[in-house]
């Protein structure tokens, strides 16, 4: 395998001249450029991306920090990030934290030493100390949904509060009269906004009670446990709005086991719009986020920050849409 020294010898120039040519970091006259290019082609030399990064402090590599890759929302998001990054010549490193702050900080420390060009954080555990460390190293980052402070970074999110209100309104219009909510962990701004949207929509009804709300962790098992608890406390509830699709699927499972007809007796609505909602029985009504668009946008923003064409940070909020399906079938 040819080395940079082999190329320099064949082209009749110094190693530093080859380095300037590869990194576009200084002047190289046109005749020398032609000689270098011919030597590279003849020797089939492939420059090391890492070596070039060490010289120019850029490796065209970004990291996507995810809390739970098994959640199809994040799988769809990762696909969009990789698709868009590749069109700009960037490689993506995927890191799954399992919502563990220590694991996330370890990824940050390791990747900083590898001259990572930037981070996309879709996790809940990013701290102010973490972002301060990135600022000191001048490493750009962007956040999905949340950040330690919205002023510190560009943030891409969907309209979660409006989406929750849309879900409740749909259930009311379908004729449901006592709606419970399974919410996500309240350290997540996503879960907080969806819970707030639910409460604002139902607080004025005579049937409203704080006991109609039960906590989950955005996973299916927690949706099952929460649904069981809600039905134990309120056997007369006729609709459940879950803070994400996985918890809604958990609620569906419990209702099936209890012999309750979903849609006809108890309506169920989720939030996210993951592909699994189309294969449940019945198909799940959901408030769909534009997942691919969110991933594409957040990647473009990060690359602009890396390349210096984006100066000011801001919050980008994308619209959501109702996907009405059989799980909220209009009852006779």
C-alpha atoms as a PDB file:
ATOM      1  CA  UNK A   1       0.000   0.000   0.000  1.00  0.00           C
ATOM      2  CA  UNK A   2       1.448   3.354  -1.067  1.00  0.00           C
ATOM      3  CA  UNK A   3       2.277   5.989   1.541  1.00  0.00           C
ATOM      4  CA  UNK A   4       2.357   9.772   1.371  1.00  0.00           C
ATOM      5  CA  UNK A   5       6.163   9.561   1.190  1.00  0.00           C
ATOM      6  CA  UNK A   6       5.915   7.352  -1.907  1.00  0.00           C
ATOM      7  CA  UNK A   7       3.694   9.932  -3.564  1.00  0.00           C
ATOM      8  CA  UNK A   8       6.057  12.763  -2.640  1.00  0.00           C
ATOM      9  CA  UNK A   9       9.046  10.883  -4.078  1.00  0.00           C
ATOM     10  CA  UNK A  10       7.291  10.078  -7.365  1.00  0.00           C
ATOM     11  CA  UNK A  11       5.977  13.637  -7.760  1.00  0.00           C
ATOM     12  CA  UNK A  12       9.370  15.107  -6.884  1.00  0.00           C
ATOM     13  CA  UNK A  13       8.058  17.291  -4.060  1.00  0.00           C
ATOM     14  CA  UNK A  14       8.157  17.338  -0.266  1.00  0.00           C
ATOM     15  CA  UNK A  15       5.703  15.529   2.028  1.00  0.00           C
ATOM     16  CA  UNK A  16       4.510  18.916   3.307  1.00  0.00           C
ATOM     17  CA  UNK A  17       3.577  19.934  -0.252  1.00  0.00           C
ATOM     18  CA  UNK A  18       1.510  16.744  -0.632  1.00  0.00           C
ATOM     19  CA  UNK A  19      -0.167  17.550   2.696  1.00  0.00           C
ATOM     20  CA  UNK A  20      -1.008  21.099   1.533  1.00  0.00           C
ATOM     21  CA  UNK A  21      -2.494  19.677  -1.667  1.00  0.00           C
ATOM     22  CA  UNK A  22      -4.619  17.078   0.119  1.00  0.00           C
ATOM     23  CA  UNK A  23      -5.862  19.420   2.830  1.00  0.00           C
ATOM     24  CA  UNK A  24      -6.178  22.491   0.579  1.00  0.00           C
ATOM     25  CA  UNK A  25      -4.360  24.361   3.322  1.00  0.00           C
ATOM     26  CA  UNK A  26      -1.850  26.358   1.291  1.00  0.00           C
ATOM     27  CA  UNK A  27      -0.690  27.373  -2.176  1.00  0.00           C
ATOM     28  CA  UNK A  28       0.404  24.692  -4.671  1.00  0.00           C
ATOM     29  CA  UNK A  29       1.041  25.794  -8.279  1.00  0.00           C
ATOM     30  CA  UNK A  30      -0.922  24.156 -11.084  1.00  0.00           C
ATOM     31  CA  UNK A  31       2.044  22.215 -12.540  1.00  0.00           C
ATOM     32  CA  UNK A  32       2.849  20.698  -9.138  1.00  0.00           C
ATOM     33  CA  UNK A  33      -0.834  19.841  -8.635  1.00  0.00           C
ATOM     34  CA  UNK A  34      -0.832  17.913 -11.914  1.00  0.00           C
ATOM     35  CA  UNK A  35       2.316  16.013 -10.915  1.00  0.00           C
ATOM     36  CA  UNK A  36       0.846  15.125  -7.517  1.00  0.00           C
ATOM     37  CA  UNK A  37      -2.448  13.998  -9.043  1.00  0.00           C
ATOM     38  CA  UNK A  38      -0.625  11.820 -11.568  1.00  0.00           C
ATOM     39  CA  UNK A  39       1.480  10.242  -8.791  1.00  0.00           C
ATOM     40  CA  UNK A  40      -1.622   9.556  -6.660  1.00  0.00           C
ATOM     41  CA  UNK A  41      -3.388   7.935  -9.620  1.00  0.00           C
ATOM     42  CA  UNK A  42      -0.389   5.825 -10.588  1.00  0.00           C
ATOM     43  CA  UNK A  43       0.232   4.585  -7.032  1.00  0.00           C
ATOM     44  CA  UNK A  44      -3.512   4.269  -6.274  1.00  0.00           C
ATOM     45  CA  UNK A  45      -2.838   6.188  -3.068  1.00  0.00           C
ATOM     46  CA  UNK A  46      -5.791   6.631  -0.709  1.00  0.00           C
ATOM     47  CA  UNK A  47      -5.274   9.390   1.884  1.00  0.00           C
ATOM     48  CA  UNK A  48      -6.173   8.521   5.450  1.00  0.00           C
ATOM     49  CA  UNK A  49      -9.236  10.469   6.528  1.00  0.00           C
ATOM     50  CA  UNK A  50      -8.022  10.423  10.122  1.00  0.00           C
ATOM     51  CA  UNK A  51      -4.568  11.673   9.161  1.00  0.00           C
ATOM     52  CA  UNK A  52      -6.053  14.491   7.121  1.00  0.00           C
ATOM     53  CA  UNK A  53      -8.335  15.295  10.017  1.00  0.00           C
ATOM     54  CA  UNK A  54      -5.406  15.570  12.385  1.00  0.00           C
ATOM     55  CA  UNK A  55      -3.836  18.095  10.039  1.00  0.00           C
ATOM     56  CA  UNK A  56      -6.972  20.110   9.371  1.00  0.00           C
ATOM     57  CA  UNK A  57      -8.892  19.273  12.574  1.00  0.00           C
ATOM     58  CA  UNK A  58     -11.776  17.938  10.449  1.00  0.00           C
ATOM     59  CA  UNK A  59     -12.640  14.348   9.570  1.00  0.00           C
ATOM     60  CA  UNK A  60     -16.063  14.788   7.918  1.00  0.00           C
ATOM     61  CA  UNK A  61     -17.505  12.627  10.680  1.00  0.00           C
ATOM     62  CA  UNK A  62     -20.484  13.420  12.907  1.00  0.00           C
ATOM     63  CA  UNK A  63     -21.944  11.529  15.864  1.00  0.00           C
ATOM     64  CA  UNK A  64     -25.629  10.827  16.454  1.00  0.00           C
ATOM     65  CA  UNK A  65     -26.326  10.185  20.143  1.00  0.00           C
ATOM     66  CA  UNK A  66     -29.526   8.163  20.590  1.00  0.00           C
ATOM     67  CA  UNK A  67     -31.291   7.129  23.830  1.00  0.00           C
ATOM     68  CA  UNK A  68     -32.860   3.903  22.518  1.00  0.00           C
ATOM     69  CA  UNK A  69     -32.160   2.580  19.019  1.00  0.00           C
ATOM     70  CA  UNK A  70     -34.810  -0.149  19.507  1.00  0.00           C
ATOM     71  CA  UNK A  71     -37.488   2.589  19.390  1.00  0.00           C
ATOM     72  CA  UNK A  72     -38.397   2.828  15.705  1.00  0.00           C
ATOM     73  CA  UNK A  73     -38.740   6.601  15.994  1.00  0.00           C
ATOM     74  CA  UNK A  74     -34.966   6.817  16.461  1.00  0.00           C
ATOM     75  CA  UNK A  75     -34.303   4.206  13.776  1.00  0.00           C
ATOM     76  CA  UNK A  76     -36.242   6.310  11.256  1.00  0.00           C
ATOM     77  CA  UNK A  77     -34.463   9.438  12.467  1.00  0.00           C
ATOM     78  CA  UNK A  78     -31.058   7.763  12.086  1.00  0.00           C
ATOM     79  CA  UNK A  79     -31.882   6.798   8.496  1.00  0.00           C
ATOM     80  CA  UNK A  80     -32.599  10.422   7.621  1.00  0.00           C
ATOM     81  CA  UNK A  81     -29.420  11.654   9.322  1.00  0.00           C
ATOM     82  CA  UNK A  82     -27.277   9.141   7.442  1.00  0.00           C
ATOM     83  CA  UNK A  83     -28.963   9.829   4.092  1.00  0.00           C
ATOM     84  CA  UNK A  84     -28.444  13.590   4.298  1.00  0.00           C
ATOM     85  CA  UNK A  85     -24.951  13.418   5.815  1.00  0.00           C
ATOM     86  CA  UNK A  86     -23.737  11.179   2.994  1.00  0.00           C
ATOM     87  CA  UNK A  87     -24.858  13.686   0.354  1.00  0.00           C
ATOM     88  CA  UNK A  88     -22.529  16.222   1.996  1.00  0.00           C
ATOM     89  CA  UNK A  89     -19.662  13.729   2.199  1.00  0.00           C
ATOM     90  CA  UNK A  90     -19.996  13.068   5.927  1.00  0.00           C
ATOM     91  CA  UNK A  91     -19.915   9.749   7.780  1.00  0.00           C
ATOM     92  CA  UNK A  92     -22.188   9.152  10.791  1.00  0.00           C
ATOM     93  CA  UNK A  93     -21.238   7.298  13.969  1.00  0.00           C
ATOM     94  CA  UNK A  94     -24.278   5.995  15.871  1.00  0.00           C
ATOM     95  CA  UNK A  95     -24.106   5.847  19.668  1.00  0.00           C
ATOM     96  CA  UNK A  96     -26.850   4.274  21.811  1.00  0.00           C
ATOM     97  CA  UNK A  97     -26.876   5.516  25.426  1.00  0.00           C
ATOM     98  CA  UNK A  98     -29.830   3.577  26.903  1.00  0.00           C
ATOM     99  CA  UNK A  99     -30.739   6.903  28.537  1.00  0.00           C
ATOM    100  CA  UNK A 100     -27.652   6.668  30.748  1.00  0.00           C
ATOM    101  CA  UNK A 101     -25.818   9.926  31.350  1.00  0.00           C
ATOM    102  CA  UNK A 102     -22.520   8.203  32.150  1.00  0.00           C
ATOM    103  CA  UNK A 103     -22.600   6.270  28.897  1.00  0.00           C
ATOM    104  CA  UNK A 104     -23.313   9.463  26.958  1.00  0.00           C
ATOM    105  CA  UNK A 105     -20.442  11.346  28.596  1.00  0.00           C
ATOM    106  CA  UNK A 106     -18.094   8.474  27.796  1.00  0.00           C
ATOM    107  CA  UNK A 107     -19.071   8.681  24.124  1.00  0.00           C
ATOM    108  CA  UNK A 108     -18.460  12.439  24.134  1.00  0.00           C
ATOM    109  CA  UNK A 109     -15.006  12.065  25.700  1.00  0.00           C
ATOM    110  CA  UNK A 110     -13.919   9.297  23.319  1.00  0.00           C
ATOM    111  CA  UNK A 111     -15.222  11.023  20.194  1.00  0.00           C
ATOM    112  CA  UNK A 112     -13.682  14.392  21.088  1.00  0.00           C
ATOM    113  CA  UNK A 113     -10.278  12.701  20.971  1.00  0.00           C
ATOM    114  CA  UNK A 114     -11.087  11.319  17.508  1.00  0.00           C
ATOM    115  CA  UNK A 115     -11.588  14.832  16.124  1.00  0.00           C
ATOM    116  CA  UNK A 116     -15.303  14.374  15.585  1.00  0.00           C
ATOM    117  CA  UNK A 117     -16.663  17.354  13.656  1.00  0.00           C
ATOM    118  CA  UNK A 118     -20.006  17.673  15.452  1.00  0.00           C
ATOM    119  CA  UNK A 119     -22.724  16.012  17.515  1.00  0.00           C
ATOM    120  CA  UNK A 120     -26.467  15.478  17.112  1.00  0.00           C
ATOM    121  CA  UNK A 121     -28.045  14.771  20.494  1.00  0.00           C
ATOM    122  CA  UNK A 122     -31.413  13.008  20.520  1.00  0.00           C
ATOM    123  CA  UNK A 123     -30.970  11.963  24.147  1.00  0.00           C
ATOM    124  CA  UNK A 124     -32.441  13.188  27.430  1.00  0.00           C
ATOM    125  CA  UNK A 125     -29.261  13.122  29.489  1.00  0.00           C
ATOM    126  CA  UNK A 126     -27.198  15.967  27.979  1.00  0.00           C
ATOM    127  CA  UNK A 127     -26.012  18.289  30.771  1.00  0.00           C
ATOM    128  CA  UNK A 128     -24.759  21.862  30.919  1.00  0.00           C
ATOM    129  CA  UNK A 129     -21.296  20.528  31.814  1.00  0.00           C
ATOM    130  CA  UNK A 130     -21.320  18.368  28.676  1.00  0.00           C
ATOM    131  CA  UNK A 131     -22.105  21.325  26.429  1.00  0.00           C
ATOM    132  CA  UNK A 132     -19.541  23.542  28.154  1.00  0.00           C
ATOM    133  CA  UNK A 133     -16.874  20.957  27.327  1.00  0.00           C
ATOM    134  CA  UNK A 134     -17.941  21.005  23.669  1.00  0.00           C
ATOM    135  CA  UNK A 135     -17.904  24.813  23.589  1.00  0.00           C
ATOM    136  CA  UNK A 136     -14.357  24.871  24.964  1.00  0.00           C
ATOM    137  CA  UNK A 137     -13.234  22.578  22.150  1.00  0.00           C
ATOM    138  CA  UNK A 138     -15.306  24.550  19.585  1.00  0.00           C
ATOM    139  CA  UNK A 139     -17.183  21.406  18.595  1.00  0.00           C
ATOM    140  CA  UNK A 140     -20.626  22.230  17.131  1.00  0.00           C
ATOM    141  CA  UNK A 141     -23.709  20.347  18.275  1.00  0.00           C
ATOM    142  CA  UNK A 142     -27.474  20.420  17.767  1.00  0.00           C
ATOM    143  CA  UNK A 143     -30.318  18.877  19.759  1.00  0.00           C
ATOM    144  CA  UNK A 144     -33.503  17.038  18.899  1.00  0.00           C
ATOM    145  CA  UNK A 145     -36.440  18.103  21.095  1.00  0.00           C
ATOM    146  CA  UNK A 146     -34.455  19.119  24.104  1.00  0.00           C
ATOM    147  CA  UNK A 147     -31.238  20.650  25.396  1.00  0.00           C
ATOM    148  CA  UNK A 148     -29.875  21.858  28.753  1.00  0.00           C
ATOM    149  CA  UNK A 149     -30.714  25.351  27.558  1.00  0.00           C
ATOM    150  CA  UNK A 150     -32.391  26.292  24.300  1.00  0.00           C
ATOM    151  CA  UNK A 151     -30.063  29.299  24.060  1.00  0.00           C
ATOM    152  CA  UNK A 152     -26.992  27.072  23.814  1.00  0.00           C
ATOM    153  CA  UNK A 153     -27.839  25.226  20.632  1.00  0.00           C
ATOM    154  CA  UNK A 154     -30.083  24.945  17.630  1.00  0.00           C
ATOM    155  CA  UNK A 155     -33.003  22.679  18.526  1.00  0.00           C
ATOM    156  CA  UNK A 156     -35.318  20.788  16.174  1.00  0.00           C
ATOM    157  CA  UNK A 157     -38.627  19.571  17.559  1.00  0.00           C
ATOM    158  CA  UNK A 158     -42.220  19.022  16.534  1.00  0.00           C
ATOM    159  CA  UNK A 159     -45.207  20.902  17.931  1.00  0.00           C
ATOM    160  CA  UNK A 160     -45.771  18.539  20.826  1.00  0.00           C
ATOM    161  CA  UNK A 161     -48.269  20.579  22.820  1.00  0.00           C
ATOM    162  CA  UNK A 162     -50.420  21.261  19.763  1.00  0.00           C
ATOM    163  CA  UNK A 163     -50.202  17.587  18.799  1.00  0.00           C
ATOM    164  CA  UNK A 164     -51.485  16.480  22.197  1.00  0.00           C
ATOM    165  CA  UNK A 165     -54.418  18.861  21.901  1.00  0.00           C
ATOM    166  CA  UNK A 166     -55.101  17.469  18.429  1.00  0.00           C
ATOM    167  CA  UNK A 167     -55.204  13.932  19.870  1.00  0.00           C
ATOM    168  CA  UNK A 168     -57.664  14.828  22.631  1.00  0.00           C
ATOM    169  CA  UNK A 169     -59.893  16.797  20.248  1.00  0.00           C
ATOM    170  CA  UNK A 170     -60.010  13.834  17.878  1.00  0.00           C
ATOM    171  CA  UNK A 171     -61.043  11.474  20.686  1.00  0.00           C
ATOM    172  CA  UNK A 172     -63.763  13.869  21.816  1.00  0.00           C
ATOM    173  CA  UNK A 173     -65.059  14.217  18.267  1.00  0.00           C
ATOM    174  CA  UNK A 174     -65.170  10.416  17.987  1.00  0.00           C
ATOM    175  CA  UNK A 175     -67.570  10.356  20.946  1.00  0.00           C
ATOM    176  CA  UNK A 176     -65.249   9.305  23.763  1.00  0.00           C
ATOM    177  CA  UNK A 177     -66.202  10.873  27.072  1.00  0.00           C
ATOM    178  CA  UNK A 178     -63.520   9.969  29.648  1.00  0.00           C
ATOM    179  CA  UNK A 179     -59.966  10.160  28.363  1.00  0.00           C
ATOM    180  CA  UNK A 180     -56.878   9.040  30.284  1.00  0.00           C
ATOM    181  CA  UNK A 181     -53.258   9.841  29.501  1.00  0.00           C
ATOM    182  CA  UNK A 182     -50.063   7.799  29.738  1.00  0.00           C
ATOM    183  CA  UNK A 183     -47.234  10.333  29.790  1.00  0.00           C
ATOM    184  CA  UNK A 184     -43.497   9.993  29.353  1.00  0.00           C
ATOM    185  CA  UNK A 185     -40.755  10.886  31.884  1.00  0.00           C
ATOM    186  CA  UNK A 186     -41.044  14.510  32.931  1.00  0.00           C
ATOM    187  CA  UNK A 187     -37.340  15.304  32.571  1.00  0.00           C
ATOM    188  CA  UNK A 188     -38.096  15.192  28.827  1.00  0.00           C
ATOM    189  CA  UNK A 189     -39.519  18.404  27.360  1.00  0.00           C
ATOM    190  CA  UNK A 190     -41.307  16.235  24.794  1.00  0.00           C
ATOM    191  CA  UNK A 191     -43.229  14.382  27.506  1.00  0.00           C
ATOM    192  CA  UNK A 192     -43.882  17.582  29.456  1.00  0.00           C
ATOM    193  CA  UNK A 193     -45.372  19.372  26.460  1.00  0.00           C
ATOM    194  CA  UNK A 194     -47.604  16.427  25.543  1.00  0.00           C
ATOM    195  CA  UNK A 195     -48.834  16.127  29.128  1.00  0.00           C
ATOM    196  CA  UNK A 196     -49.499  19.884  29.220  1.00  0.00           C
ATOM    197  CA  UNK A 197     -51.479  19.650  25.985  1.00  0.00           C
ATOM    198  CA  UNK A 198     -53.616  16.849  27.436  1.00  0.00           C
ATOM    199  CA  UNK A 199     -54.274  18.712  30.698  1.00  0.00           C
ATOM    200  CA  UNK A 200     -55.172  21.957  28.956  1.00  0.00           C
ATOM    201  CA  UNK A 201     -57.663  20.064  26.792  1.00  0.00           C
ATOM    202  CA  UNK A 202     -59.488  18.120  29.530  1.00  0.00           C
ATOM    203  CA  UNK A 203     -59.205  20.215  32.692  1.00  0.00           C
ATOM    204  CA  UNK A 204     -62.585  21.853  32.151  1.00  0.00           C
ATOM    205  CA  UNK A 205     -64.571  18.603  31.989  1.00  0.00           C
ATOM    206  CA  UNK A 206     -66.489  17.325  35.035  1.00  0.00           C
ATOM    207  CA  UNK A 207     -64.909  13.889  34.650  1.00  0.00           C
ATOM    208  CA  UNK A 208     -61.336  15.206  34.789  1.00  0.00           C
ATOM    209  CA  UNK A 209     -59.109  13.985  37.629  1.00  0.00           C
ATOM    210  CA  UNK A 210     -55.313  13.932  38.127  1.00  0.00           C
ATOM    211  CA  UNK A 211     -55.694  10.174  38.663  1.00  0.00           C
ATOM    212  CA  UNK A 212     -56.444   9.854  34.941  1.00  0.00           C
ATOM    213  CA  UNK A 213     -52.731  10.405  34.289  1.00  0.00           C
ATOM    214  CA  UNK A 214     -50.134   7.662  34.686  1.00  0.00           C
ATOM    215  CA  UNK A 215     -46.381   7.752  34.082  1.00  0.00           C
ATOM    216  CA  UNK A 216     -44.457   5.634  31.590  1.00  0.00           C
ATOM    217  CA  UNK A 217     -40.949   5.682  30.150  1.00  0.00           C
ATOM    218  CA  UNK A 218     -41.701   5.694  26.393  1.00  0.00           C
ATOM    219  CA  UNK A 219     -41.313   1.893  26.238  1.00  0.00           C
ATOM    220  CA  UNK A 220     -44.032  -0.651  25.487  1.00  0.00           C
ATOM    221  CA  UNK A 221     -43.804  -2.439  28.854  1.00  0.00           C
ATOM    222  CA  UNK A 222     -44.447   0.808  30.706  1.00  0.00           C
ATOM    223  CA  UNK A 223     -47.493   1.436  28.515  1.00  0.00           C
ATOM    224  CA  UNK A 224     -48.873  -1.953  29.509  1.00  0.00           C
ATOM    225  CA  UNK A 225     -48.298  -1.329  33.211  1.00  0.00           C
ATOM    226  CA  UNK A 226     -49.788   2.178  33.035  1.00  0.00           C
ATOM    227  CA  UNK A 227     -52.884   0.991  31.154  1.00  0.00           C
ATOM    228  CA  UNK A 228     -53.499  -1.715  33.750  1.00  0.00           C
ATOM    229  CA  UNK A 229     -53.248   0.840  36.555  1.00  0.00           C
ATOM    230  CA  UNK A 230     -55.545   3.332  34.818  1.00  0.00           C
ATOM    231  CA  UNK A 231     -58.202   0.681  34.193  1.00  0.00           C
ATOM    232  CA  UNK A 232     -57.944  -0.462  37.804  1.00  0.00           C
ATOM    233  CA  UNK A 233     -58.517   3.063  39.085  1.00  0.00           C
ATOM    234  CA  UNK A 234     -61.068   4.041  36.443  1.00  0.00           C
ATOM    235  CA  UNK A 235     -62.853   1.014  34.928  1.00  0.00           C
ATOM    236  CA  UNK A 236     -65.140   3.429  33.080  1.00  0.00           C
ATOM    237  CA  UNK A 237     -62.488   5.198  30.975  1.00  0.00           C
ATOM    238  CA  UNK A 238     -63.306   4.886  27.284  1.00  0.00           C
ATOM    239  CA  UNK A 239     -60.144   6.333  25.711  1.00  0.00           C
ATOM    240  CA  UNK A 240     -56.394   6.405  26.306  1.00  0.00           C
ATOM    241  CA  UNK A 241     -54.016   8.939  24.794  1.00  0.00           C
ATOM    242  CA  UNK A 242     -50.437   7.720  25.145  1.00  0.00           C
ATOM    243  CA  UNK A 243     -47.417  10.025  24.969  1.00  0.00           C
ATOM    244  CA  UNK A 244     -45.755   7.905  22.285  1.00  0.00           C
ATOM    245  CA  UNK A 245     -46.633   5.010  19.989  1.00  0.00           C
ATOM    246  CA  UNK A 246     -44.754   2.323  21.903  1.00  0.00           C
ATOM    247  CA  UNK A 247     -46.710   3.027  25.094  1.00  0.00           C
ATOM    248  CA  UNK A 248     -49.931   3.121  23.046  1.00  0.00           C
ATOM    249  CA  UNK A 249     -49.089  -0.314  21.634  1.00  0.00           C
ATOM    250  CA  UNK A 250     -48.579  -1.514  25.211  1.00  0.00           C
ATOM    251  CA  UNK A 251     -52.068  -0.224  26.069  1.00  0.00           C
ATOM    252  CA  UNK A 252     -53.489  -2.041  23.028  1.00  0.00           C
ATOM    253  CA  UNK A 253     -51.957  -5.270  24.253  1.00  0.00           C
ATOM    254  CA  UNK A 254     -53.519  -4.951  27.718  1.00  0.00           C
ATOM    255  CA  UNK A 255     -56.942  -4.145  26.290  1.00  0.00           C
ATOM    256  CA  UNK A 256     -56.790  -7.190  24.016  1.00  0.00           C
ATOM    257  CA  UNK A 257     -55.873  -9.423  26.957  1.00  0.00           C
ATOM    258  CA  UNK A 258     -58.844  -8.077  28.919  1.00  0.00           C
ATOM    259  CA  UNK A 259     -61.208  -8.789  26.040  1.00  0.00           C
ATOM    260  CA  UNK A 260     -61.974  -5.091  25.495  1.00  0.00           C
ATOM    261  CA  UNK A 261     -62.739  -4.106  21.904  1.00  0.00           C
ATOM    262  CA  UNK A 262     -60.294  -1.364  20.942  1.00  0.00           C
ATOM    263  CA  UNK A 263     -61.997   1.445  19.093  1.00  0.00           C
ATOM    264  CA  UNK A 264     -65.500   0.351  19.898  1.00  0.00           C
ATOM    265  CA  UNK A 265     -65.255   0.176  23.699  1.00  0.00           C
ATOM    266  CA  UNK A 266     -61.984   1.983  24.414  1.00  0.00           C
ATOM    267  CA  UNK A 267     -60.203   4.219  21.927  1.00  0.00           C
ATOM    268  CA  UNK A 268     -56.400   4.412  21.845  1.00  0.00           C
ATOM    269  CA  UNK A 269     -54.253   7.156  20.299  1.00  0.00           C
ATOM    270  CA  UNK A 270     -50.469   7.349  20.230  1.00  0.00           C
ATOM    271  CA  UNK A 271     -47.893   9.962  19.227  1.00  0.00           C
ATOM    272  CA  UNK A 272     -44.919   9.733  16.805  1.00  0.00           C
ATOM    273  CA  UNK A 273     -46.153   7.983  13.665  1.00  0.00           C
ATOM    274  CA  UNK A 274     -43.724   5.060  13.633  1.00  0.00           C
ATOM    275  CA  UNK A 275     -44.265   2.357  11.009  1.00  0.00           C
ATOM    276  CA  UNK A 276     -45.423  -0.228  13.569  1.00  0.00           C
ATOM    277  CA  UNK A 277     -48.706   1.665  14.021  1.00  0.00           C
ATOM    278  CA  UNK A 278     -49.791   0.397  10.592  1.00  0.00           C
ATOM    279  CA  UNK A 279     -49.425  -3.288  11.493  1.00  0.00           C
ATOM    280  CA  UNK A 280     -51.097  -3.403  14.912  1.00  0.00           C
ATOM    281  CA  UNK A 281     -54.575  -4.861  15.197  1.00  0.00           C
ATOM    282  CA  UNK A 282     -56.466  -2.652  14.977  1.00  0.00           C
ATOM    283  CA  UNK A 283     -54.219  -0.118  13.243  1.00  0.00           C
ATOM    284  CA  UNK A 284     -53.241   2.588  15.688  1.00  0.00           C
ATOM    285  CA  UNK A 285     -54.392   6.187  15.446  1.00  0.00           C
ATOM    286  CA  UNK A 286     -51.403   8.452  16.054  1.00  0.00           C
ATOM    287  CA  UNK A 287     -50.187  12.020  15.940  1.00  0.00           C
ATOM    288  CA  UNK A 288     -47.449  11.710  13.339  1.00  0.00           C
ATOM    289  CA  UNK A 289     -44.234  13.671  13.566  1.00  0.00           C
ATOM    290  CA  UNK A 290     -42.360  14.353  10.305  1.00  0.00           C
ATOM    291  CA  UNK A 291     -39.552  12.076  11.506  1.00  0.00           C
ATOM    292  CA  UNK A 292     -37.540  11.980   8.298  1.00  0.00           C
ATOM    293  CA  UNK A 293     -37.826  15.750   7.818  1.00  0.00           C
ATOM    294  CA  UNK A 294     -36.662  16.307  11.404  1.00  0.00           C
ATOM    295  CA  UNK A 295     -33.603  14.127  10.869  1.00  0.00           C
ATOM    296  CA  UNK A 296     -32.795  15.768   7.550  1.00  0.00           C
ATOM    297  CA  UNK A 297     -33.165  19.292   8.945  1.00  0.00           C
ATOM    298  CA  UNK A 298     -31.091  18.688  12.049  1.00  0.00           C
ATOM    299  CA  UNK A 299     -28.282  17.206   9.928  1.00  0.00           C
ATOM    300  CA  UNK A 300     -28.217  20.156   7.531  1.00  0.00           C
ATOM    301  CA  UNK A 301     -28.123  22.575  10.479  1.00  0.00           C
ATOM    302  CA  UNK A 302     -25.164  20.763  12.058  1.00  0.00           C
ATOM    303  CA  UNK A 303     -23.214  20.671   8.798  1.00  0.00           C
ATOM    304  CA  UNK A 304     -23.812  24.392   8.313  1.00  0.00           C
ATOM    305  CA  UNK A 305     -22.453  25.000  11.825  1.00  0.00           C
ATOM    306  CA  UNK A 306     -19.425  22.821  11.118  1.00  0.00           C
ATOM    307  CA  UNK A 307     -18.697  24.667   7.874  1.00  0.00           C
ATOM    308  CA  UNK A 308     -19.237  28.082   9.450  1.00  0.00           C
ATOM    309  CA  UNK A 309     -22.286  29.165   7.435  1.00  0.00           C
ATOM    310  CA  UNK A 310     -24.686  29.176  10.409  1.00  0.00           C
ATOM    311  CA  UNK A 311     -23.987  31.677  13.164  1.00  0.00           C
ATOM    312  CA  UNK A 312     -27.152  32.082  15.233  1.00  0.00           C
ATOM    313  CA  UNK A 313     -28.860  29.228  17.056  1.00  0.00           C
ATOM    314  CA  UNK A 314     -32.628  28.954  17.073  1.00  0.00           C
ATOM    315  CA  UNK A 315     -35.521  26.573  17.719  1.00  0.00           C
ATOM    316  CA  UNK A 316     -37.181  24.922  14.733  1.00  0.00           C
ATOM    317  CA  UNK A 317     -40.685  23.537  15.344  1.00  0.00           C
ATOM    318  CA  UNK A 318     -42.274  21.299  12.718  1.00  0.00           C
ATOM    319  CA  UNK A 319     -45.981  20.612  12.239  1.00  0.00           C
ATOM    320  CA  UNK A 320     -47.582  17.304  13.217  1.00  0.00           C
ATOM    321  CA  UNK A 321     -50.575  15.573  11.642  1.00  0.00           C
ATOM    322  CA  UNK A 322     -53.383  13.279  12.772  1.00  0.00           C
ATOM    323  CA  UNK A 323     -53.353   9.763  11.328  1.00  0.00           C
ATOM    324  CA  UNK A 324     -56.859   8.534  12.217  1.00  0.00           C
ATOM    325  CA  UNK A 325     -57.214   4.759  12.113  1.00  0.00           C
ATOM    326  CA  UNK A 326     -59.349   1.922  13.499  1.00  0.00           C
ATOM    327  CA  UNK A 327     -58.147   2.195  17.122  1.00  0.00           C
ATOM    328  CA  UNK A 328     -60.380   5.274  17.473  1.00  0.00           C
ATOM    329  CA  UNK A 329     -63.291   3.933  15.406  1.00  0.00           C
ATOM    330  CA  UNK A 330     -66.439   6.042  15.762  1.00  0.00           C
ATOM    331  CA  UNK A 331     -68.825   4.136  18.011  1.00  0.00           C
ATOM    332  CA  UNK A 332     -72.548   3.723  17.250  1.00  0.00           C
END
